[in-house]
PDB file of N, CA and C in Angstrom:
ATOM      1  N   UNK A   1      29.456   5.204  -8.252  1.00  0.00           N
ATOM      2  CA  UNK A   1      28.823   3.908  -8.198  1.00  0.00           C
ATOM      3  C   UNK A   1      27.312   3.935  -7.640  1.00  0.00           C
ATOM      4  N   UNK A   2      26.543   3.207  -7.874  1.00  0.00           N
ATOM      5  CA  UNK A   2      25.048   3.385  -7.515  1.00  0.00           C
ATOM      6  C   UNK A   2      25.042   2.730  -6.079  1.00  0.00           C
ATOM      7  N   UNK A   3      24.100   3.267  -5.137  1.00  0.00           N
ATOM      8  CA  UNK A   3      23.844   2.543  -3.922  1.00  0.00           C
ATOM      9  C   UNK A   3      22.812   1.790  -4.332  1.00  0.00           C
ATOM     10  N   UNK A   4      22.896   0.197  -4.171  1.00  0.00           N
ATOM     11  CA  UNK A   4      21.659  -0.562  -4.442  1.00  0.00           C
ATOM     12  C   UNK A   4      20.788  -0.371  -3.284  1.00  0.00           C
ATOM     13  N   UNK A   5      20.635  -0.160  -2.091  1.00  0.00           N
ATOM     14  CA  UNK A   5      19.222  -0.239  -1.419  1.00  0.00           C
ATOM     15  C   UNK A   5      18.538   1.339  -1.807  1.00  0.00           C
ATOM     16  N   UNK A   6      19.657   2.521  -2.300  1.00  0.00           N
ATOM     17  CA  UNK A   6      19.203   3.525  -2.450  1.00  0.00           C
ATOM     18  C   UNK A   6      18.040   3.549  -3.786  1.00  0.00           C
ATOM     19  N   UNK A   7      18.861   2.916  -4.772  1.00  0.00           N
ATOM     20  CA  UNK A   7      17.953   2.557  -5.998  1.00  0.00           C
ATOM     21  C   UNK A   7      16.766   1.885  -5.608  1.00  0.00           C
ATOM     22  N   UNK A   8      16.793   0.819  -4.882  1.00  0.00           N
ATOM     23  CA  UNK A   8      15.676  -0.105  -4.453  1.00  0.00           C
ATOM     24  C   UNK A   8      14.584   0.896  -3.810  1.00  0.00           C
ATOM     25  N   UNK A   9      15.045   1.569  -2.793  1.00  0.00           N
ATOM     26  CA  UNK A   9      14.182   2.502  -1.828  1.00  0.00           C
ATOM     27  C   UNK A   9      13.248   3.449  -2.792  1.00  0.00           C
ATOM     28  N   UNK A  10      14.351   3.791  -3.959  1.00  0.00           N
ATOM     29  CA  UNK A  10      13.342   5.194  -4.342  1.00  0.00           C
ATOM     30  C   UNK A  10      12.697   4.434  -5.194  1.00  0.00           C
ATOM     31  N   UNK A  11      12.732   3.529  -5.933  1.00  0.00           N
ATOM     32  CA  UNK A  11      11.514   2.705  -6.733  1.00  0.00           C
ATOM     33  C   UNK A  11      10.272   2.301  -6.330  1.00  0.00           C
ATOM     34  N   UNK A  12      10.686   1.613  -4.813  1.00  0.00           N
ATOM     35  CA  UNK A  12       9.747   1.393  -4.380  1.00  0.00           C
ATOM     36  C   UNK A  12       8.735   2.411  -3.930  1.00  0.00           C
ATOM     37  N   UNK A  13       9.455   3.798  -3.537  1.00  0.00           N
ATOM     38  CA  UNK A  13       8.500   4.674  -2.726  1.00  0.00           C
ATOM     39  C   UNK A  13       7.826   5.527  -4.242  1.00  0.00           C
ATOM     40  N   UNK A  14       8.767   5.543  -5.155  1.00  0.00           N
ATOM     41  CA  UNK A  14       7.780   6.006  -6.896  1.00  0.00           C
ATOM     42  C   UNK A  14       6.472   5.052  -6.726  1.00  0.00           C
ATOM     43  N   UNK A  15       7.068   3.590  -6.632  1.00  0.00           N
ATOM     44  CA  UNK A  15       5.533   3.059  -7.191  1.00  0.00           C
ATOM     45  C   UNK A  15       4.542   2.743  -5.892  1.00  0.00           C
ATOM     46  N   UNK A  16       4.805   3.193  -4.772  1.00  0.00           N
ATOM     47  CA  UNK A  16       3.957   3.490  -3.802  1.00  0.00           C
ATOM     48  C   UNK A  16       2.913   4.863  -4.040  1.00  0.00           C
ATOM     49  N   UNK A  17       4.222   5.856  -4.369  1.00  0.00           N
ATOM     50  CA  UNK A  17       3.101   6.890  -4.978  1.00  0.00           C
ATOM     51  C   UNK A  17       2.019   6.739  -6.256  1.00  0.00           C
ATOM     52  N   UNK A  18       2.445   6.052  -7.137  1.00  0.00           N
ATOM     53  CA  UNK A  18       1.684   5.741  -8.257  1.00  0.00           C
ATOM     54  C   UNK A  18       0.639   4.855  -7.762  1.00  0.00           C
ATOM     55  N   UNK A  19       0.960   4.171  -7.147  1.00  0.00           N
ATOM     56  CA  UNK A  19      -0.401   2.905  -6.467  1.00  0.00           C
ATOM     57  C   UNK A  19      -1.469   3.644  -5.758  1.00  0.00           C
ATOM     58  N   UNK A  20      -0.863   4.609  -4.600  1.00  0.00           N
ATOM     59  CA  UNK A  20      -1.600   5.587  -3.964  1.00  0.00           C
ATOM     60  C   UNK A  20      -2.537   6.872  -5.121  1.00  0.00           C
ATOM     61  N   UNK A  21      -2.111   7.200  -5.948  1.00  0.00           N
ATOM     62  CA  UNK A  21      -2.714   8.450  -6.439  1.00  0.00           C
ATOM     63  C   UNK A  21      -3.710   7.488  -7.507  1.00  0.00           C
ATOM     64  N   UNK A  22      -3.302   6.251  -8.158  1.00  0.00           N
ATOM     65  CA  UNK A  22      -3.986   5.400  -8.886  1.00  0.00           C
ATOM     66  C   UNK A  22      -5.497   4.943  -7.969  1.00  0.00           C
ATOM     67  N   UNK A  23      -5.024   4.440  -6.596  1.00  0.00           N
ATOM     68  CA  UNK A  23      -6.252   4.237  -5.904  1.00  0.00           C
ATOM     69  C   UNK A  23      -7.383   5.332  -5.508  1.00  0.00           C
ATOM     70  N   UNK A  24      -6.464   6.332  -5.512  1.00  0.00           N
ATOM     71  CA  UNK A  24      -7.533   7.847  -5.119  1.00  0.00           C
ATOM     72  C   UNK A  24      -8.655   8.271  -6.541  1.00  0.00           C
ATOM     73  N   UNK A  25      -8.315   7.865  -7.476  1.00  0.00           N
ATOM     74  CA  UNK A  25      -8.954   8.444  -8.767  1.00  0.00           C
ATOM     75  C   UNK A  25     -10.005   7.272  -9.185  1.00  0.00           C
ATOM     76  N   UNK A  26      -9.597   5.849  -8.809  1.00  0.00           N
ATOM     77  CA  UNK A  26     -10.467   4.658  -9.059  1.00  0.00           C
ATOM     78  C   UNK A  26     -11.946   4.978  -8.580  1.00  0.00           C
ATOM     79  N   UNK A  27     -12.858   4.504  -9.520  1.00  0.00           N
ATOM     80  CA  UNK A  27     -14.039   4.519  -9.227  1.00  0.00           C
ATOM     81  C   UNK A  27     -14.876   2.718  -8.650  1.00  0.00           C
ATOM     82  N   UNK A  28     -13.966   2.036  -8.935  1.00  0.00           N
ATOM     83  CA  UNK A  28     -14.170   0.808  -8.538  1.00  0.00           C
ATOM     84  C   UNK A  28     -13.812   0.599  -7.208  1.00  0.00           C
ATOM     85  N   UNK A  29     -14.334   0.467  -6.205  1.00  0.00           N
ATOM     86  CA  UNK A  29     -13.851   0.649  -4.566  1.00  0.00           C
ATOM     87  C   UNK A  29     -13.376  -0.399  -4.145  1.00  0.00           C
ATOM     88  N   UNK A  30     -13.338  -1.938  -4.757  1.00  0.00           N
ATOM     89  CA  UNK A  30     -12.295  -2.886  -4.377  1.00  0.00           C
ATOM     90  C   UNK A  30     -11.296  -2.745  -5.400  1.00  0.00           C
ATOM     91  N   UNK A  31     -11.037  -2.282  -6.462  1.00  0.00           N
ATOM     92  CA  UNK A  31      -9.427  -2.146  -7.079  1.00  0.00           C
ATOM     93  C   UNK A  31      -8.940  -1.272  -6.069  1.00  0.00           C
ATOM     94  N   UNK A  32      -9.817   0.169  -5.816  1.00  0.00           N
ATOM     95  CA  UNK A  32      -8.936   0.964  -4.907  1.00  0.00           C
ATOM     96  C   UNK A  32      -8.176   0.437  -3.427  1.00  0.00           C
ATOM     97  N   UNK A  33      -9.092  -0.379  -2.862  1.00  0.00           N
ATOM     98  CA  UNK A  33      -8.452  -1.299  -1.797  1.00  0.00           C
ATOM     99  C   UNK A  33      -7.584  -2.070  -1.847  1.00  0.00           C
ATOM    100  N   UNK A  34      -7.460  -2.991  -3.206  1.00  0.00           N
ATOM    101  CA  UNK A  34      -6.255  -3.784  -3.960  1.00  0.00           C
ATOM    102  C   UNK A  34      -5.211  -2.690  -4.129  1.00  0.00           C
ATOM    103  N   UNK A  35      -5.407  -1.770  -4.494  1.00  0.00           N
ATOM    104  CA  UNK A  35      -4.252  -0.501  -4.852  1.00  0.00           C
ATOM    105  C   UNK A  35      -3.573  -0.092  -3.349  1.00  0.00           C
ATOM    106  N   UNK A  36      -4.495   0.093  -2.746  1.00  0.00           N
ATOM    107  CA  UNK A  36      -4.274   0.554  -1.136  1.00  0.00           C
ATOM    108  C   UNK A  36      -3.247  -0.528  -0.613  1.00  0.00           C
ATOM    109  N   UNK A  37      -3.514  -1.808  -0.707  1.00  0.00           N
ATOM    110  CA  UNK A  37      -2.511  -2.857  -0.436  1.00  0.00           C
ATOM    111  C   UNK A  37      -1.637  -3.021  -1.273  1.00  0.00           C
ATOM    112  N   UNK A  38      -1.233  -2.801  -2.539  1.00  0.00           N
ATOM    113  CA  UNK A  38      -0.023  -2.736  -3.278  1.00  0.00           C
ATOM    114  C   UNK A  38       0.362  -1.326  -2.593  1.00  0.00           C
ATOM    115  N   UNK A  39      -0.102  -0.511  -2.366  1.00  0.00           N
ATOM    116  CA  UNK A  39       0.928   0.805  -1.987  1.00  0.00           C
ATOM    117  C   UNK A  39       1.367   0.077  -0.727  1.00  0.00           C
ATOM    118  N   UNK A  40       0.773  -0.537   0.255  1.00  0.00           N
ATOM    119  CA  UNK A  40       1.447  -0.927   1.386  1.00  0.00           C
ATOM    120  C   UNK A  40       2.438  -1.737   1.385  1.00  0.00           C
ATOM    121  N   UNK A  41       2.598  -2.514   0.677  1.00  0.00           N
ATOM    122  CA  UNK A  41       3.616  -3.522   0.090  1.00  0.00           C
ATOM    123  C   UNK A  41       4.775  -2.580  -0.412  1.00  0.00           C
ATOM    124  N   UNK A  42       4.541  -1.816  -1.452  1.00  0.00           N
ATOM    125  CA  UNK A  42       5.778  -0.851  -1.421  1.00  0.00           C
ATOM    126  C   UNK A  42       6.508  -0.201  -0.582  1.00  0.00           C
ATOM    127  N   UNK A  43       5.418   0.291   0.427  1.00  0.00           N
ATOM    128  CA  UNK A  43       6.046   0.874   1.580  1.00  0.00           C
ATOM    129  C   UNK A  43       6.614   0.184   2.619  1.00  0.00           C
ATOM    130  N   UNK A  44       5.938  -1.261   2.812  1.00  0.00           N
ATOM    131  CA  UNK A  44       6.961  -1.802   3.483  1.00  0.00           C
ATOM    132  C   UNK A  44       8.443  -2.421   2.853  1.00  0.00           C
ATOM    133  N   UNK A  45       8.532  -2.510   1.486  1.00  0.00           N
ATOM    134  CA  UNK A  45       9.667  -3.052   1.046  1.00  0.00           C
ATOM    135  C   UNK A  45      10.667  -1.650   1.203  1.00  0.00           C
ATOM    136  N   UNK A  46       9.903  -0.121   1.309  1.00  0.00           N
ATOM    137  CA  UNK A  46      10.754   1.015   1.623  1.00  0.00           C
ATOM    138  C   UNK A  46      11.622   0.730   3.078  1.00  0.00           C
ATOM    139  N   UNK A  47      10.571   0.426   4.125  1.00  0.00           N
ATOM    140  CA  UNK A  47      10.924   0.067   5.300  1.00  0.00           C
ATOM    141  C   UNK A  47      12.156  -0.932   5.959  1.00  0.00           C
ATOM    142  N   UNK A  48      12.139  -2.019   4.590  1.00  0.00           N
ATOM    143  CA  UNK A  48      13.239  -2.898   4.636  1.00  0.00           C
ATOM    144  C   UNK A  48      14.263  -2.238   4.447  1.00  0.00           C
ATOM    145  N   UNK A  49      14.390  -1.475   3.357  1.00  0.00           N
ATOM    146  CA  UNK A  49      15.326  -0.831   2.844  1.00  0.00           C
ATOM    147  C   UNK A  49      16.067  -0.129   3.776  1.00  0.00           C
ATOM    148  N   UNK A  50      15.249   0.623   4.655  1.00  0.00           N
ATOM    149  CA  UNK A  50      15.533   1.747   5.630  1.00  0.00           C
ATOM    150  C   UNK A  50      16.076   1.201   6.903  1.00  0.00           C
ATOM    151  N   UNK A  51      16.076  -0.325   6.896  1.00  0.00           N
ATOM    152  CA  UNK A  51      16.261  -0.738   8.305  1.00  0.00           C
ATOM    153  C   UNK A  51      15.258  -0.549   9.665  1.00  0.00           C
ATOM    154  N   UNK A  52      14.302  -0.475   9.449  1.00  0.00           N
ATOM    155  CA  UNK A  52      13.555  -0.268  10.485  1.00  0.00           C
ATOM    156  C   UNK A  52      12.204  -1.806  10.422  1.00  0.00           C
ATOM    157  N   UNK A  53      13.253  -2.879  11.208  1.00  0.00           N
ATOM    158  CA  UNK A  53      12.125  -3.885  11.446  1.00  0.00           C
ATOM    159  C   UNK A  53      10.844  -3.434  12.334  1.00  0.00           C
ATOM    160  N   UNK A  54      11.221  -2.603  13.267  1.00  0.00           N
ATOM    161  CA  UNK A  54       9.723  -2.530  14.335  1.00  0.00           C
ATOM    162  C   UNK A  54       8.736  -1.914  13.584  1.00  0.00           C
ATOM    163  N   UNK A  55       9.263  -0.816  12.807  1.00  0.00           N
ATOM    164  CA  UNK A  55       8.147  -0.253  12.257  1.00  0.00           C
ATOM    165  C   UNK A  55       7.208  -1.211  10.908  1.00  0.00           C
ATOM    166  N   UNK A  56       8.246  -1.946  10.252  1.00  0.00           N
ATOM    167  CA  UNK A  56       7.969  -2.451   9.402  1.00  0.00           C
ATOM    168  C   UNK A  56       6.607  -3.641   9.484  1.00  0.00           C
ATOM    169  N   UNK A  57       6.909  -4.639  11.072  1.00  0.00           N
ATOM    170  CA  UNK A  57       6.089  -5.472  11.780  1.00  0.00           C
ATOM    171  C   UNK A  57       4.534  -4.515  11.891  1.00  0.00           C
ATOM    172  N   UNK A  58       4.646  -3.632  12.569  1.00  0.00           N
ATOM    173  CA  UNK A  58       3.455  -2.732  12.623  1.00  0.00           C
ATOM    174  C   UNK A  58       2.804  -2.115  11.431  1.00  0.00           C
ATOM    175  N   UNK A  59       3.525  -1.848  10.257  1.00  0.00           N
ATOM    176  CA  UNK A  59       3.119  -1.195   9.325  1.00  0.00           C
ATOM    177  C   UNK A  59       2.416  -2.673   8.542  1.00  0.00           C
ATOM    178  N   UNK A  60       3.116  -3.990   8.573  1.00  0.00           N
ATOM    179  CA  UNK A  60       2.499  -4.844   7.522  1.00  0.00           C
ATOM    180  C   UNK A  60       1.190  -5.457   8.576  1.00  0.00           C
ATOM    181  N   UNK A  61       1.114  -5.615   9.701  1.00  0.00           N
ATOM    182  CA  UNK A  61       0.175  -6.021  10.581  1.00  0.00           C
ATOM    183  C   UNK A  61      -1.466  -4.614  10.256  1.00  0.00           C
ATOM    184  N   UNK A  62      -0.997  -3.634  10.347  1.00  0.00           N
ATOM    185  CA  UNK A  62      -1.932  -2.580  10.376  1.00  0.00           C
ATOM    186  C   UNK A  62      -2.168  -2.323   8.756  1.00  0.00           C
ATOM    187  N   UNK A  63      -1.254  -2.036   8.004  1.00  0.00           N
ATOM    188  CA  UNK A  63      -1.389  -1.659   6.625  1.00  0.00           C
ATOM    189  C   UNK A  63      -2.138  -2.436   5.972  1.00  0.00           C
ATOM    190  N   UNK A  64      -1.370  -3.932   5.766  1.00  0.00           N
ATOM    191  CA  UNK A  64      -2.048  -4.721   4.994  1.00  0.00           C
ATOM    192  C   UNK A  64      -3.351  -5.706   5.356  1.00  0.00           C
ATOM    193  N   UNK A  65      -2.775  -6.258   6.459  1.00  0.00           N
ATOM    194  CA  UNK A  65      -3.852  -7.163   7.471  1.00  0.00           C
ATOM    195  C   UNK A  65      -5.361  -6.203   7.767  1.00  0.00           C
ATOM    196  N   UNK A  66      -5.013  -5.460   8.847  1.00  0.00           N
ATOM    197  CA  UNK A  66      -6.588  -4.999   9.508  1.00  0.00           C
ATOM    198  C   UNK A  66      -7.198  -3.829   9.003  1.00  0.00           C
ATOM    199  N   UNK A  67      -6.500  -3.185   7.861  1.00  0.00           N
ATOM    200  CA  UNK A  67      -7.405  -2.309   7.095  1.00  0.00           C
ATOM    201  C   UNK A  67      -7.776  -2.727   6.081  1.00  0.00           C
ATOM    202  N   UNK A  68      -7.198  -3.909   5.120  1.00  0.00           N
ATOM    203  CA  UNK A  68      -7.891  -4.452   3.980  1.00  0.00           C
ATOM    204  C   UNK A  68      -8.785  -4.919   4.348  1.00  0.00           C
ATOM    205  N   UNK A  69      -9.063  -6.000   5.673  1.00  0.00           N
ATOM    206  CA  UNK A  69     -10.197  -6.412   5.954  1.00  0.00           C
ATOM    207  C   UNK A  69     -11.028  -5.932   6.390  1.00  0.00           C
ATOM    208  N   UNK A  70     -10.834  -4.742   7.165  1.00  0.00           N
ATOM    209  CA  UNK A  70     -12.281  -3.897   7.467  1.00  0.00           C
ATOM    210  C   UNK A  70     -12.643  -3.258   6.424  1.00  0.00           C
ATOM    211  N   UNK A  71     -11.832  -2.441   5.353  1.00  0.00           N
ATOM    212  CA  UNK A  71     -12.445  -2.225   4.249  1.00  0.00           C
ATOM    213  C   UNK A  71     -13.393  -2.863   3.308  1.00  0.00           C
ATOM    214  N   UNK A  72     -12.832  -4.125   3.241  1.00  0.00           N
ATOM    215  CA  UNK A  72     -13.605  -5.278   2.513  1.00  0.00           C
ATOM    216  C   UNK A  72     -14.885  -5.455   2.994  1.00  0.00           C
ATOM    217  N   UNK A  73     -14.904  -5.871   4.329  1.00  0.00           N
ATOM    218  CA  UNK A  73     -15.978  -5.977   5.005  1.00  0.00           C
ATOM    219  C   UNK A  73     -17.002  -4.548   5.058  1.00  0.00           C
ATOM    220  N   UNK A  74     -16.527  -3.509   4.927  1.00  0.00           N
ATOM    221  CA  UNK A  74     -17.590  -2.257   4.485  1.00  0.00           C
ATOM    222  C   UNK A  74     -18.033  -2.602   3.286  1.00  0.00           C
ATOM    223  N   UNK A  75     -17.114  -2.772   2.057  1.00  0.00           N
ATOM    224  CA  UNK A  75     -17.394  -2.907   1.292  1.00  0.00           C
ATOM    225  C   UNK A  75     -18.592  -3.713   0.680  1.00  0.00           C
ATOM    226  N   UNK A  76     -18.523  -5.054   1.339  1.00  0.00           N
ATOM    227  CA  UNK A  76     -19.271  -5.923   1.344  1.00  0.00           C
ATOM    228  C   UNK A  76     -20.868  -5.442   1.902  1.00  0.00           C
ATOM    229  N   UNK A  77     -20.965  -4.600   2.648  1.00  0.00           N
ATOM    230  CA  UNK A  77     -22.119  -3.869   3.678  1.00  0.00           C
ATOM    231  C   UNK A  77     -22.887  -2.774   2.722  1.00  0.00           C
ATOM    232  N   UNK A  78     -21.664  -2.550   1.665  1.00  0.00           N
ATOM    233  CA  UNK A  78     -22.574  -1.141   0.609  1.00  0.00           C
ATOM    234  C   UNK A  78     -22.263  -1.321  -0.817  1.00  0.00           C
ATOM    235  N   UNK A  79     -22.275  -0.202  -1.368  1.00  0.00           N
ATOM    236  CA  UNK A  79     -21.858  -0.312  -2.970  1.00  0.00           C
ATOM    237  C   UNK A  79     -20.329  -0.202  -3.144  1.00  0.00           C
ATOM    238  N   UNK A  80     -20.328  -1.340  -4.608  1.00  0.00           N
ATOM    239  CA  UNK A  80     -18.910  -1.569  -4.977  1.00  0.00           C
ATOM    240  C   UNK A  80     -18.756  -0.280  -5.671  1.00  0.00           C
ATOM    241  N   UNK A  81     -19.497   0.211  -6.468  1.00  0.00           N
ATOM    242  CA  UNK A  81     -18.792   1.306  -7.615  1.00  0.00           C
ATOM    243  C   UNK A  81     -19.409   2.788  -6.732  1.00  0.00           C
ATOM    244  N   UNK A  82     -18.555   3.781  -6.961  1.00  0.00           N
ATOM    245  CA  UNK A  82     -18.467   5.152  -6.664  1.00  0.00           C
ATOM    246  C   UNK A  82     -19.418   5.572  -7.719  1.00  0.00           C
ATOM    247  N   UNK A  83     -20.238   6.806  -7.739  1.00  0.00           N
ATOM    248  CA  UNK A  83     -21.125   7.478  -8.402  1.00  0.00           C
ATOM    249  C   UNK A  83     -20.129   8.621  -8.740  1.00  0.00           C
TER     250      UNK A  83
END
């Protein structure tokens, strides 16, 4: 019998890994920031499956909120595309 939370956790962690790898090789920096946010969402799902609400609250605040805002602000001050 398949344990559903483990299946959801493994799918979420695999999707987070794929999003992180895609963000690493993306030339458009705005798309890389969005992919980084998607990776943070999947990691948050993994923390839900692992029943770690304290880590989830901190990760959502930093990983999705502050990190994305700071990166987009820095992107507006510089070049969008990597050479």
